[in-house]
Amino acid sequence: MNAGLIGGIVGSILGLIGGIIGTYFSIKNTNGPKEKSFMIKIATIGWIAIALFLFLMYITPSPYQCFLFIPYGIILPITIIKGNKIQNKIRQEEKEK
C-alpha cells in the first residue's frame, strides 16, 4: 500500500468517527424533547445528504466533480444557519414552559 491510500483510509475513518461523535453530542446536549427530536431529524437529514454528495462525487466523471461543490457550498451554510435559528426558537419555547 502506498502512503496516499493509507492516508485516504485513515482520514476517512477519522472523519467518520468525528461525525459520529459530533452527532452524538449534538443530540445529547439538547435541553428538551422537542429539541432532541429536531436534532435527530436534522442529523439524519445531514447524514443522508452528505452520503448522497459523496456518492455523486464517486459516480461523476473527474472534470465535472467540481461542479457538485457549487450547490453543496450554497445549501450547507444556509441549512446550518436556518437550523440554528429553529433550534434557538425551540430552546426559547421550551424555556417558557
N, C-alpha and C. Protein backbone atom coordinates (compact mmCIF):
# COMPACT_ATOMS: atom_id res chain seq x y z
N MET A 1 0.85 -1.19 0.00
CA MET A 1 0.00 0.00 0.00
C MET A 1 0.89 1.24 0.00
N ASN A 2 0.45 2.24 -0.73
CA ASN A 2 1.22 3.48 -0.73
C ASN A 2 0.67 4.46 0.30
N ALA A 3 1.44 5.50 0.55
CA ALA A 3 1.08 6.47 1.60
C ALA A 3 -0.23 7.18 1.30
N GLY A 4 -0.52 7.46 0.04
CA GLY A 4 -1.76 8.15 -0.31
C GLY A 4 -3.00 7.33 0.02
N LEU A 5 -2.93 6.04 -0.25
CA LEU A 5 -4.06 5.15 0.05
C LEU A 5 -4.26 5.02 1.56
N ILE A 6 -3.16 4.85 2.27
CA ILE A 6 -3.24 4.76 3.73
C ILE A 6 -3.80 6.05 4.31
N GLY A 7 -3.31 7.18 3.83
CA GLY A 7 -3.81 8.48 4.30
C GLY A 7 -5.29 8.66 4.01
N GLY A 8 -5.73 8.21 2.84
CA GLY A 8 -7.14 8.32 2.49
C GLY A 8 -8.02 7.46 3.38
N ILE A 9 -7.55 6.26 3.68
CA ILE A 9 -8.32 5.36 4.54
C ILE A 9 -8.36 5.91 5.97
N VAL A 10 -7.19 6.27 6.51
CA VAL A 10 -7.13 6.79 7.88
C VAL A 10 -7.94 8.09 8.00
N GLY A 11 -7.81 8.98 7.03
CA GLY A 11 -8.55 10.24 7.05
C GLY A 11 -10.05 10.02 6.99
N SER A 12 -10.48 9.07 6.18
CA SER A 12 -11.90 8.76 6.09
C SER A 12 -12.44 8.19 7.40
N ILE A 13 -11.67 7.30 8.01
CA ILE A 13 -12.10 6.72 9.29
C ILE A 13 -12.17 7.79 10.36
N LEU A 14 -11.15 8.65 10.45
CA LEU A 14 -11.16 9.72 11.44
C LEU A 14 -12.31 10.70 11.20
N GLY A 15 -12.59 11.02 9.95
CA GLY A 15 -13.71 11.90 9.62
C GLY A 15 -15.04 11.29 10.01
N LEU A 16 -15.20 10.00 9.76
CA LEU A 16 -16.43 9.31 10.13
C LEU A 16 -16.60 9.27 11.64
N ILE A 17 -15.52 8.96 12.37
CA ILE A 17 -15.58 8.95 13.82
C ILE A 17 -15.92 10.34 14.36
N GLY A 18 -15.31 11.38 13.79
CA GLY A 18 -15.62 12.75 14.21
C GLY A 18 -17.07 13.11 13.97
N GLY A 19 -17.61 12.68 12.84
CA GLY A 19 -19.01 12.94 12.54
C GLY A 19 -19.95 12.23 13.51
N ILE A 20 -19.60 11.00 13.84
CA ILE A 20 -20.42 10.23 14.78
C ILE A 20 -20.38 10.88 16.16
N ILE A 21 -19.19 11.26 16.61
CA ILE A 21 -19.06 11.90 17.93
C ILE A 21 -19.81 13.23 17.95
N GLY A 22 -19.66 14.03 16.91
CA GLY A 22 -20.36 15.31 16.83
C GLY A 22 -21.87 15.15 16.83
N THR A 23 -22.36 14.16 16.10
CA THR A 23 -23.79 13.90 16.07
C THR A 23 -24.28 13.46 17.44
N TYR A 24 -23.54 12.57 18.09
CA TYR A 24 -23.91 12.08 19.41
C TYR A 24 -24.04 13.23 20.41
N PHE A 25 -23.03 14.09 20.46
CA PHE A 25 -23.06 15.18 21.43
C PHE A 25 -24.07 16.27 21.07
N SER A 26 -24.33 16.46 19.79
CA SER A 26 -25.36 17.41 19.38
C SER A 26 -26.73 16.97 19.88
N ILE A 27 -26.97 15.68 19.84
CA ILE A 27 -28.25 15.15 20.32
C ILE A 27 -28.27 15.09 21.84
N LYS A 28 -27.15 14.68 22.44
CA LYS A 28 -27.07 14.53 23.90
C LYS A 28 -27.22 15.87 24.62
N ASN A 29 -26.71 16.94 24.05
CA ASN A 29 -26.69 18.25 24.72
C ASN A 29 -27.94 19.09 24.44
N THR A 30 -29.03 18.44 24.09
CA THR A 30 -30.28 19.17 23.90
C THR A 30 -30.96 19.37 25.25
N ASN A 31 -31.86 20.34 25.30
CA ASN A 31 -32.50 20.71 26.57
C ASN A 31 -33.87 20.09 26.80
N GLY A 32 -34.52 19.66 25.76
CA GLY A 32 -35.87 19.15 25.93
C GLY A 32 -36.24 18.16 24.85
N PRO A 33 -37.41 17.55 24.96
CA PRO A 33 -37.81 16.52 23.99
C PRO A 33 -38.03 17.05 22.57
N LYS A 34 -38.57 18.24 22.45
CA LYS A 34 -38.81 18.80 21.12
C LYS A 34 -37.47 19.13 20.42
N GLU A 35 -36.53 19.67 21.20
CA GLU A 35 -35.22 19.99 20.64
C GLU A 35 -34.47 18.71 20.26
N LYS A 36 -34.58 17.69 21.11
CA LYS A 36 -33.92 16.41 20.82
C LYS A 36 -34.50 15.80 19.54
N SER A 37 -35.80 15.84 19.40
CA SER A 37 -36.46 15.32 18.20
C SER A 37 -35.98 16.08 16.96
N PHE A 38 -35.89 17.40 17.07
CA PHE A 38 -35.41 18.21 15.95
C PHE A 38 -33.97 17.85 15.59
N MET A 39 -33.11 17.68 16.59
CA MET A 39 -31.70 17.36 16.33
C MET A 39 -31.55 15.98 15.68
N ILE A 40 -32.35 15.02 16.11
CA ILE A 40 -32.30 13.69 15.48
C ILE A 40 -32.73 13.79 14.02
N LYS A 41 -33.78 14.57 13.76
CA LYS A 41 -34.27 14.75 12.39
C LYS A 41 -33.21 15.45 11.52
N ILE A 42 -32.63 16.52 12.03
CA ILE A 42 -31.66 17.29 11.23
C ILE A 42 -30.36 16.49 11.04
N ALA A 43 -29.98 15.70 12.05
CA ALA A 43 -28.77 14.87 11.93
C ALA A 43 -28.99 13.78 10.88
N THR A 44 -30.17 13.18 10.87
CA THR A 44 -30.48 12.14 9.89
C THR A 44 -30.46 12.71 8.48
N ILE A 45 -31.08 13.86 8.32
CA ILE A 45 -31.08 14.52 7.00
C ILE A 45 -29.65 14.87 6.59
N GLY A 46 -28.86 15.36 7.53
CA GLY A 46 -27.47 15.72 7.23
C GLY A 46 -26.63 14.53 6.80
N TRP A 47 -26.76 13.41 7.52
CA TRP A 47 -26.01 12.21 7.15
C TRP A 47 -26.42 11.70 5.77
N ILE A 48 -27.72 11.73 5.48
CA ILE A 48 -28.20 11.28 4.17
C ILE A 48 -27.68 12.21 3.07
N ALA A 49 -27.73 13.52 3.32
CA ALA A 49 -27.28 14.49 2.31
C ALA A 49 -25.78 14.34 2.04
N ILE A 50 -24.99 14.15 3.08
CA ILE A 50 -23.54 14.00 2.88
C ILE A 50 -23.23 12.69 2.17
N ALA A 51 -23.95 11.62 2.53
CA ALA A 51 -23.75 10.34 1.83
C ALA A 51 -24.11 10.47 0.36
N LEU A 52 -25.19 11.19 0.05
CA LEU A 52 -25.58 11.42 -1.34
C LEU A 52 -24.51 12.23 -2.07
N PHE A 53 -24.00 13.27 -1.42
CA PHE A 53 -22.93 14.07 -2.02
C PHE A 53 -21.71 13.21 -2.33
N LEU A 54 -21.30 12.38 -1.39
CA LEU A 54 -20.13 11.52 -1.61
C LEU A 54 -20.39 10.50 -2.71
N PHE A 55 -21.60 9.96 -2.75
CA PHE A 55 -21.95 9.03 -3.83
C PHE A 55 -21.88 9.72 -5.19
N LEU A 56 -22.43 10.93 -5.26
CA LEU A 56 -22.37 11.67 -6.52
C LEU A 56 -20.94 12.01 -6.91
N MET A 57 -20.09 12.30 -5.92
CA MET A 57 -18.67 12.55 -6.20
C MET A 57 -18.02 11.30 -6.78
N TYR A 58 -18.43 10.14 -6.29
CA TYR A 58 -17.86 8.88 -6.75
C TYR A 58 -18.27 8.55 -8.17
N ILE A 59 -19.53 8.81 -8.53
CA ILE A 59 -20.02 8.39 -9.85
C ILE A 59 -19.85 9.46 -10.93
N THR A 60 -19.60 10.70 -10.54
CA THR A 60 -19.46 11.78 -11.52
C THR A 60 -18.05 11.75 -12.11
N PRO A 61 -17.95 11.89 -13.43
CA PRO A 61 -16.62 11.91 -14.06
C PRO A 61 -15.76 13.06 -13.53
N SER A 62 -14.47 12.84 -13.57
CA SER A 62 -13.49 13.72 -12.93
C SER A 62 -13.61 15.22 -13.24
N PRO A 63 -13.67 15.64 -14.47
CA PRO A 63 -13.68 17.11 -14.64
C PRO A 63 -14.97 17.78 -14.16
N TYR A 64 -16.04 17.00 -13.96
CA TYR A 64 -17.32 17.59 -13.59
C TYR A 64 -17.60 17.52 -12.09
N GLN A 65 -16.76 16.82 -11.35
CA GLN A 65 -16.96 16.68 -9.90
C GLN A 65 -16.94 18.04 -9.20
N CYS A 66 -16.12 18.95 -9.69
CA CYS A 66 -16.00 20.26 -9.03
C CYS A 66 -17.33 21.03 -9.05
N PHE A 67 -18.20 20.75 -10.02
CA PHE A 67 -19.48 21.44 -10.08
C PHE A 67 -20.43 21.01 -8.96
N LEU A 68 -20.19 19.86 -8.38
CA LEU A 68 -21.02 19.41 -7.26
C LEU A 68 -20.81 20.27 -6.01
N PHE A 69 -19.66 20.92 -5.93
CA PHE A 69 -19.38 21.76 -4.76
C PHE A 69 -20.17 23.06 -4.78
N ILE A 70 -20.67 23.46 -5.93
CA ILE A 70 -21.44 24.72 -6.01
C ILE A 70 -22.74 24.61 -5.21
N PRO A 71 -23.62 23.63 -5.50
CA PRO A 71 -24.84 23.55 -4.68
C PRO A 71 -24.52 23.16 -3.23
N TYR A 72 -23.52 22.31 -3.03
CA TYR A 72 -23.14 21.89 -1.68
C TYR A 72 -22.68 23.09 -0.86
N GLY A 73 -21.86 23.93 -1.47
CA GLY A 73 -21.33 25.11 -0.78
C GLY A 73 -22.36 26.19 -0.52
N ILE A 74 -23.45 26.17 -1.26
CA ILE A 74 -24.53 27.14 -1.04
C ILE A 74 -25.56 26.58 -0.06
N ILE A 75 -25.96 25.33 -0.26
CA ILE A 75 -27.02 24.74 0.56
C ILE A 75 -26.55 24.48 1.99
N LEU A 76 -25.31 24.02 2.18
CA LEU A 76 -24.84 23.68 3.53
C LEU A 76 -24.87 24.86 4.49
N PRO A 77 -24.28 26.02 4.15
CA PRO A 77 -24.32 27.14 5.11
C PRO A 77 -25.74 27.65 5.37
N ILE A 78 -26.57 27.67 4.33
CA ILE A 78 -27.95 28.13 4.52
C ILE A 78 -28.69 27.19 5.46
N THR A 79 -28.48 25.89 5.29
CA THR A 79 -29.13 24.90 6.15
C THR A 79 -28.65 25.02 7.60
N ILE A 80 -27.36 25.25 7.79
CA ILE A 80 -26.82 25.40 9.14
C ILE A 80 -27.40 26.63 9.82
N ILE A 81 -27.43 27.75 9.13
CA ILE A 81 -27.96 28.99 9.70
C ILE A 81 -29.44 28.83 10.04
N LYS A 82 -30.21 28.29 9.10
CA LYS A 82 -31.65 28.10 9.34
C LYS A 82 -31.89 27.11 10.47
N GLY A 83 -31.12 26.02 10.51
CA GLY A 83 -31.26 25.02 11.57
C GLY A 83 -30.95 25.60 12.94
N ASN A 84 -29.91 26.44 13.01
CA ASN A 84 -29.56 27.08 14.28
C ASN A 84 -30.68 28.01 14.76
N LYS A 85 -31.29 28.74 13.83
CA LYS A 85 -32.40 29.62 14.20
C LYS A 85 -33.59 28.82 14.72
N ILE A 86 -33.89 27.71 14.06
CA ILE A 86 -35.00 26.87 14.51
C ILE A 86 -34.69 26.27 15.88
N GLN A 87 -33.46 25.82 16.06
CA GLN A 87 -33.07 25.25 17.35
C GLN A 87 -33.17 26.29 18.47
N ASN A 88 -32.71 27.49 18.21
CA ASN A 88 -32.82 28.55 19.22
C ASN A 88 -34.28 28.88 19.54
N LYS A 89 -35.12 28.87 18.52
CA LYS A 89 -36.55 29.11 18.74
C LYS A 89 -37.15 28.01 19.61
N ILE A 90 -36.79 26.77 19.33
CA ILE A 90 -37.28 25.65 20.14
C ILE A 90 -36.79 25.79 21.58
N ARG A 91 -35.53 26.17 21.76
CA ARG A 91 -35.00 26.35 23.12
C ARG A 91 -35.76 27.43 23.88
N GLN A 92 -36.08 28.52 23.20
CA GLN A 92 -36.83 29.60 23.85
C GLN A 92 -38.23 29.12 24.24
N GLU A 93 -38.87 28.38 23.34
CA GLU A 93 -40.20 27.85 23.63
C GLU A 93 -40.18 26.90 24.82
N GLU A 94 -39.14 26.06 24.88
CA GLU A 94 -39.06 25.09 25.98
C GLU A 94 -38.67 25.76 27.31
N LYS A 95 -37.96 26.90 27.25
CA LYS A 95 -37.62 27.64 28.46
C LYS A 95 -38.87 28.24 29.09
N GLU A 96 -39.79 28.69 28.25
CA GLU A 96 -41.00 29.35 28.72
C GLU A 96 -41.95 28.40 29.43
N LYS A 97 -41.81 27.12 29.20
CA LYS A 97 -42.72 26.13 29.80
C LYS A 97 -42.40 25.90 31.25
